[in-house]
Every structure is written in structure tokens, then in C-alpha cells.
N, C-alpha and C. Protein backbone atom coordinates (compact mmCIF):
# COMPACT_ATOMS: atom_id res chain seq x y z
N MET A 1 102.05 98.82 142.27
CA MET A 1 103.55 98.24 142.03
C MET A 1 104.03 97.89 143.09
N HIS A 2 104.27 96.61 142.57
CA HIS A 2 105.49 95.70 143.93
C HIS A 2 106.47 96.32 144.59
N ALA A 3 107.17 96.21 145.76
CA ALA A 3 108.19 96.02 145.74
C ALA A 3 109.66 95.73 145.30
N THR A 4 110.10 96.44 145.08
CA THR A 4 111.60 96.20 144.33
C THR A 4 112.51 95.34 145.76
N PRO A 5 113.11 94.50 144.89
CA PRO A 5 113.94 93.66 146.06
C PRO A 5 114.55 94.57 146.68
N GLU A 6 115.12 95.70 146.40
CA GLU A 6 116.29 97.27 146.90
C GLU A 6 115.00 97.82 147.90
N GLN A 7 114.08 97.88 147.65
CA GLN A 7 112.56 98.28 148.46
C GLN A 7 112.27 97.42 149.60
N SER A 8 112.56 96.41 149.41
CA SER A 8 112.04 95.00 150.26
C SER A 8 113.32 95.08 151.47
N PHE A 9 114.33 95.09 151.11
CA PHE A 9 115.44 94.75 152.58
C PHE A 9 115.78 96.29 152.82
N ALA A 10 116.00 97.11 152.17
CA ALA A 10 115.52 98.56 152.63
C ALA A 10 114.69 98.69 154.11
N TRP A 11 113.20 97.99 153.59
CA TRP A 11 112.47 98.08 154.66
C TRP A 11 112.48 97.57 155.59
N LEU A 12 113.20 95.97 155.48
CA LEU A 12 113.52 95.14 156.16
C LEU A 12 114.64 95.75 157.32
N ARG A 13 115.74 96.23 156.64
CA ARG A 13 116.54 96.87 157.61
C ARG A 13 116.32 97.74 158.54
N TYR A 14 115.02 98.66 158.17
CA TYR A 14 114.40 100.25 158.47
C TYR A 14 113.71 99.60 160.14
N ARG A 15 112.78 98.24 159.71
CA ARG A 15 112.04 97.39 160.71
C ARG A 15 113.31 97.23 161.58
N MET A 16 114.14 96.60 161.63
CA MET A 16 114.91 95.86 162.49
C MET A 16 115.11 97.03 163.19
N ALA A 17 116.01 98.14 162.37
CA ALA A 17 116.61 98.98 163.60
C ALA A 17 115.47 99.58 164.57
N ALA A 18 114.13 99.77 163.82
CA ALA A 18 113.20 100.15 164.77
C ALA A 18 113.06 99.32 165.89
N MET A 19 113.38 98.08 165.85
CA MET A 19 113.09 97.56 166.66
C MET A 19 114.35 97.11 167.71
N GLY A 20 114.89 97.78 167.32
CA GLY A 20 116.37 97.23 167.80
C GLY A 20 116.78 95.75 167.86
N ILE A 21 116.45 95.33 166.44
CA ILE A 21 117.16 93.97 166.02
C ILE A 21 118.65 94.43 164.85
N ASN A 22 119.63 94.26 165.83
CA ASN A 22 120.91 94.56 164.50
C ASN A 22 121.61 93.30 163.83
N THR A 23 120.92 91.93 163.76
CA THR A 23 121.16 91.19 162.86
C THR A 23 120.59 90.56 162.60
N LEU A 24 120.84 90.18 161.29
CA LEU A 24 119.54 88.85 160.80
C LEU A 24 119.73 87.76 161.40
N GLU A 25 120.83 87.48 162.26
CA GLU A 25 120.64 86.30 163.07
C GLU A 25 119.74 86.22 164.06
N GLU A 26 119.55 87.63 164.93
CA GLU A 26 118.64 87.93 165.71
C GLU A 26 117.32 87.78 165.36
N LEU A 27 117.20 88.25 164.19
CA LEU A 27 115.35 88.21 163.75
C LEU A 27 115.48 86.98 163.21
N ALA A 28 116.02 86.40 162.71
CA ALA A 28 115.73 84.51 162.58
C ALA A 28 115.38 83.88 163.96
N HIS A 29 116.10 84.40 164.77
CA HIS A 29 115.72 83.67 166.12
C HIS A 29 113.73 83.80 166.81
N ARG A 30 114.44 85.24 166.65
CA ARG A 30 112.78 85.55 166.75
C ARG A 30 111.78 85.15 165.80
N CYS A 31 111.83 84.54 164.49
CA CYS A 31 110.91 83.96 163.80
C CYS A 31 110.84 82.91 163.46
N GLU A 32 112.20 81.81 164.20
CA GLU A 32 112.07 81.28 163.92
C GLU A 32 112.49 80.21 162.40
N SER A 33 113.21 80.83 162.17
CA SER A 33 113.59 80.89 160.52
C SER A 33 115.52 80.74 160.51
N ASP A 34 116.13 80.84 159.80
CA ASP A 34 117.20 80.92 159.51
C ASP A 34 117.47 82.13 158.62
N LYS A 35 118.86 82.97 158.77
CA LYS A 35 119.19 84.01 158.34
C LYS A 35 119.24 83.95 156.58
N GLY A 36 119.69 83.11 155.99
CA GLY A 36 119.76 83.19 154.72
C GLY A 36 118.19 82.88 154.48
N ASN A 37 117.21 82.24 154.94
CA ASN A 37 115.89 82.07 154.43
C ASN A 37 115.12 83.78 154.13
N ILE A 38 115.83 84.19 154.97
CA ILE A 38 114.75 85.77 155.69
C ILE A 38 115.63 86.84 154.25
N SER A 39 117.15 86.74 154.50
CA SER A 39 117.88 87.40 153.11
C SER A 39 117.43 86.81 151.70
N ARG A 40 117.14 85.59 151.44
CA ARG A 40 116.29 85.63 150.13
C ARG A 40 115.16 86.18 149.83
N ILE A 41 114.41 86.03 151.15
CA ILE A 41 112.87 86.57 151.04
C ILE A 41 113.15 87.78 150.41
N PHE A 42 113.69 88.54 151.56
CA PHE A 42 113.68 90.11 151.08
C PHE A 42 114.32 90.55 150.21
N HIS A 43 114.91 89.72 149.66
CA HIS A 43 116.00 90.37 148.06
C HIS A 43 115.07 89.34 147.03
N GLN A 44 113.83 88.95 147.31
CA GLN A 44 113.05 88.04 146.12
C GLN A 44 113.88 87.26 145.38
N GLN A 45 114.23 86.47 146.69
CA GLN A 45 114.96 85.50 145.66
C GLN A 45 114.47 83.91 145.65
N GLN A 46 113.35 84.20 147.03
CA GLN A 46 112.65 82.88 146.36
C GLN A 46 111.20 83.30 147.45
N ARG A 47 110.31 82.91 147.74
CA ARG A 47 108.61 83.17 148.01
C ARG A 47 109.09 82.16 149.63
N PRO A 48 108.75 83.16 150.11
CA PRO A 48 108.30 82.45 151.67
C PRO A 48 107.46 80.84 151.42
N ARG A 49 107.67 79.50 151.98
CA ARG A 49 106.67 78.87 152.25
C ARG A 49 105.55 79.47 152.65
N VAL A 50 104.26 78.82 153.31
CA VAL A 50 102.93 79.66 153.07
C VAL A 50 103.25 79.38 155.06
N ASP A 51 103.57 78.32 155.35
CA ASP A 51 104.23 77.85 156.57
C ASP A 51 105.07 78.63 157.50
N THR A 52 105.81 79.57 156.78
CA THR A 52 106.87 80.99 157.05
C THR A 52 106.49 82.42 157.16
N ILE A 53 105.77 82.29 156.78
CA ILE A 53 105.04 83.47 156.70
C ILE A 53 104.11 84.44 157.99
N GLU A 54 103.25 83.87 158.59
CA GLU A 54 103.05 84.54 159.77
C GLU A 54 104.22 84.62 160.81
N PRO A 55 104.79 83.26 160.93
CA PRO A 55 106.45 83.38 161.78
C PRO A 55 106.74 84.50 161.85
N LEU A 56 107.08 85.05 160.87
CA LEU A 56 107.96 86.09 159.89
C LEU A 56 107.40 87.22 160.49
N ALA A 57 106.08 87.52 160.23
CA ALA A 57 105.08 88.68 160.07
C ALA A 57 105.34 88.80 162.08
N ARG A 58 105.20 87.98 162.49
CA ARG A 58 105.00 87.98 163.92
C ARG A 58 106.65 88.73 164.52
N GLY A 59 107.38 88.19 163.85
CA GLY A 59 108.63 88.59 164.26
C GLY A 59 108.82 90.18 164.31
N LEU A 60 108.70 90.08 162.90
CA LEU A 60 108.48 91.81 162.72
C LEU A 60 107.59 92.33 163.26
N GLU A 61 106.32 92.12 163.46
CA GLU A 61 105.01 93.20 164.44
C GLU A 61 104.85 93.69 163.40
N VAL A 62 104.59 93.39 162.41
CA VAL A 62 103.38 93.38 161.63
C VAL A 62 102.02 92.38 161.16
N SER A 63 101.54 93.10 160.29
CA SER A 63 100.42 92.08 159.61
C SER A 63 101.10 91.26 158.48
N VAL A 64 100.38 89.98 158.47
CA VAL A 64 100.60 89.09 157.03
C VAL A 64 100.50 89.85 155.93
N TYR A 65 99.49 91.03 155.94
CA TYR A 65 99.23 91.75 154.84
C TYR A 65 100.24 92.54 154.18
N GLU A 66 100.72 93.23 155.30
CA GLU A 66 102.22 94.32 155.46
C GLU A 66 103.58 93.14 155.01
N LEU A 67 103.25 92.07 155.40
CA LEU A 67 104.41 91.65 155.37
C LEU A 67 104.99 90.94 153.41
N LEU A 68 103.35 90.63 153.27
CA LEU A 68 103.06 90.65 151.74
C LEU A 68 103.32 91.52 151.02
N VAL A 69 102.80 92.98 150.83
CA VAL A 69 103.60 93.97 150.57
C VAL A 69 105.20 94.42 150.47
N ARG A 70 105.25 94.29 151.18
CA ARG A 70 106.86 94.44 151.68
C ARG A 70 107.57 93.43 151.04
N ILE A 71 107.50 92.53 150.61
CA ILE A 71 108.45 91.01 150.12
C ILE A 71 107.91 91.52 148.67
N GLY A 72 106.77 92.51 148.37
CA GLY A 72 106.75 92.62 146.81
C GLY A 72 105.84 91.47 146.27
N ALA A 73 105.14 90.67 147.17
CA ALA A 73 103.68 90.01 146.51
C ALA A 73 102.93 90.31 146.35
N VAL A 74 102.21 91.33 146.88
CA VAL A 74 100.95 92.06 146.85
C VAL A 74 101.09 93.33 146.42
N ASP A 75 100.60 94.14 145.52
CA ASP A 75 100.56 95.61 145.12
C ASP A 75 99.88 95.81 145.70
N PRO A 76 99.91 96.80 146.82
CA PRO A 76 98.86 97.82 147.57
C PRO A 76 98.38 98.59 146.77
N TYR A 77 98.83 99.29 145.68
CA TYR A 77 97.71 99.68 144.78
C TYR A 77 97.06 99.32 143.92
N ASP A 78 97.18 97.62 144.44
CA ASP A 78 95.76 96.89 143.27
C ASP A 78 94.01 97.11 144.62
N SER A 79 92.81 97.11 143.40
CA SER A 79 92.42 97.20 144.64
C SER A 79 91.61 96.56 145.13
N ARG A 80 92.00 95.65 144.50
CA ARG A 80 91.59 94.22 144.92
C ARG A 80 92.48 93.27 145.64
N PRO A 81 92.90 93.22 146.85
CA PRO A 81 94.22 93.22 147.91
C PRO A 81 93.75 91.87 148.41
N PRO A 82 94.19 90.58 148.87
CA PRO A 82 93.77 89.23 148.80
C PRO A 82 93.29 89.11 150.32
N ILE A 83 92.35 88.12 150.22
CA ILE A 83 91.54 88.11 151.75
C ILE A 83 92.82 87.05 152.28
N VAL A 84 92.96 87.42 153.89
CA VAL A 84 93.68 86.23 154.44
C VAL A 84 93.17 85.91 155.60
N GLU A 85 92.51 84.30 155.37
CA GLU A 85 92.14 83.87 156.54
C GLU A 85 93.24 82.99 157.43
N GLN A 86 92.50 83.21 158.45
CA GLN A 86 93.51 82.04 159.53
C GLN A 86 92.55 80.73 160.12
N SER A 87 92.82 79.85 160.24
CA SER A 87 92.05 78.60 160.74
C SER A 87 93.07 77.49 161.35
N GLY A 88 92.70 77.52 162.68
CA GLY A 88 93.50 76.95 163.05
C GLY A 88 95.31 77.55 163.33
N GLY A 89 96.21 76.52 162.87
CA GLY A 89 97.26 77.52 163.15
C GLY A 89 97.87 77.66 161.28
N SER A 90 96.61 77.47 160.45
CA SER A 90 97.19 77.73 158.80
C SER A 90 96.23 79.20 158.09
N TYR A 91 96.92 79.53 157.21
CA TYR A 91 96.76 80.88 156.64
C TYR A 91 96.52 80.11 155.23
N THR A 92 94.98 80.92 154.63
CA THR A 92 94.83 80.89 153.52
C THR A 92 94.83 82.13 152.35
N PHE A 93 95.32 82.60 151.12
CA PHE A 93 95.22 84.01 150.78
C PHE A 93 94.60 83.59 149.42
N THR A 94 93.42 84.29 149.45
CA THR A 94 92.16 84.40 147.79
C THR A 94 92.17 86.00 147.80
N TRP A 95 92.74 86.10 146.41
CA TRP A 95 92.73 87.14 145.91
C TRP A 95 91.20 86.89 144.84
N PRO A 96 90.41 88.25 144.88
CA PRO A 96 89.08 88.22 144.73
C PRO A 96 89.04 88.27 143.08
N LYS A 97 88.11 88.06 142.38
CA LYS A 97 88.56 87.72 141.05
C LYS A 97 87.95 89.46 140.36
N PRO A 98 88.17 89.67 139.08
CA PRO A 98 88.51 91.02 138.62
C PRO A 98 87.01 91.43 138.13
């Protein structure tokens, strides 16, 4: 089951509090992004660009896979999670065939 927008944003607020981050602006600075972009991603109003996923995960101190679960892009109960590979500064995501 994919995370809902409400679950995604609630997790973001929880994670920020655990890290001592008080505002989306602070988080955006850590992630080299902007607060509107982060808000839209966690409200599931837009999918993140591939080049923003890793900085966002790093800024939140979670794995890329966990970030994808938390924003509702991946179902953690699916027996076939994506394969995440890094090559240089880029990531690729491959979903196994059923």
C-alpha cells in the first residue's frame, strides 16, 4: 500500500522534528532545493526530478529507497522493491519483472 499524501507530509514533519529542523526553508537549504518543491513532493502534488531524490534523501538522512516509500512512489509491502544503483553522480531505478 502506497503512502497517502497525509502520511507522507506527517512523516516529513516527524523526521524534521527528530532532526531539529524547524522549517521547510531550513530543510530546503540542507537539500539544495526550495521549500515549495519539497512541500509539493510530500503532498504528492508532483514527483521529484531524479536529480533531486538523492540530495533530499541525504538532507533527511534516510536512504533513497526509504524516501521513495515515504513520498508514496514505492509500496513497501510489494515483494519486488526497485533496485537502486548509483553510477557516479546519478541513480537508476529498475523494477524487477513479475
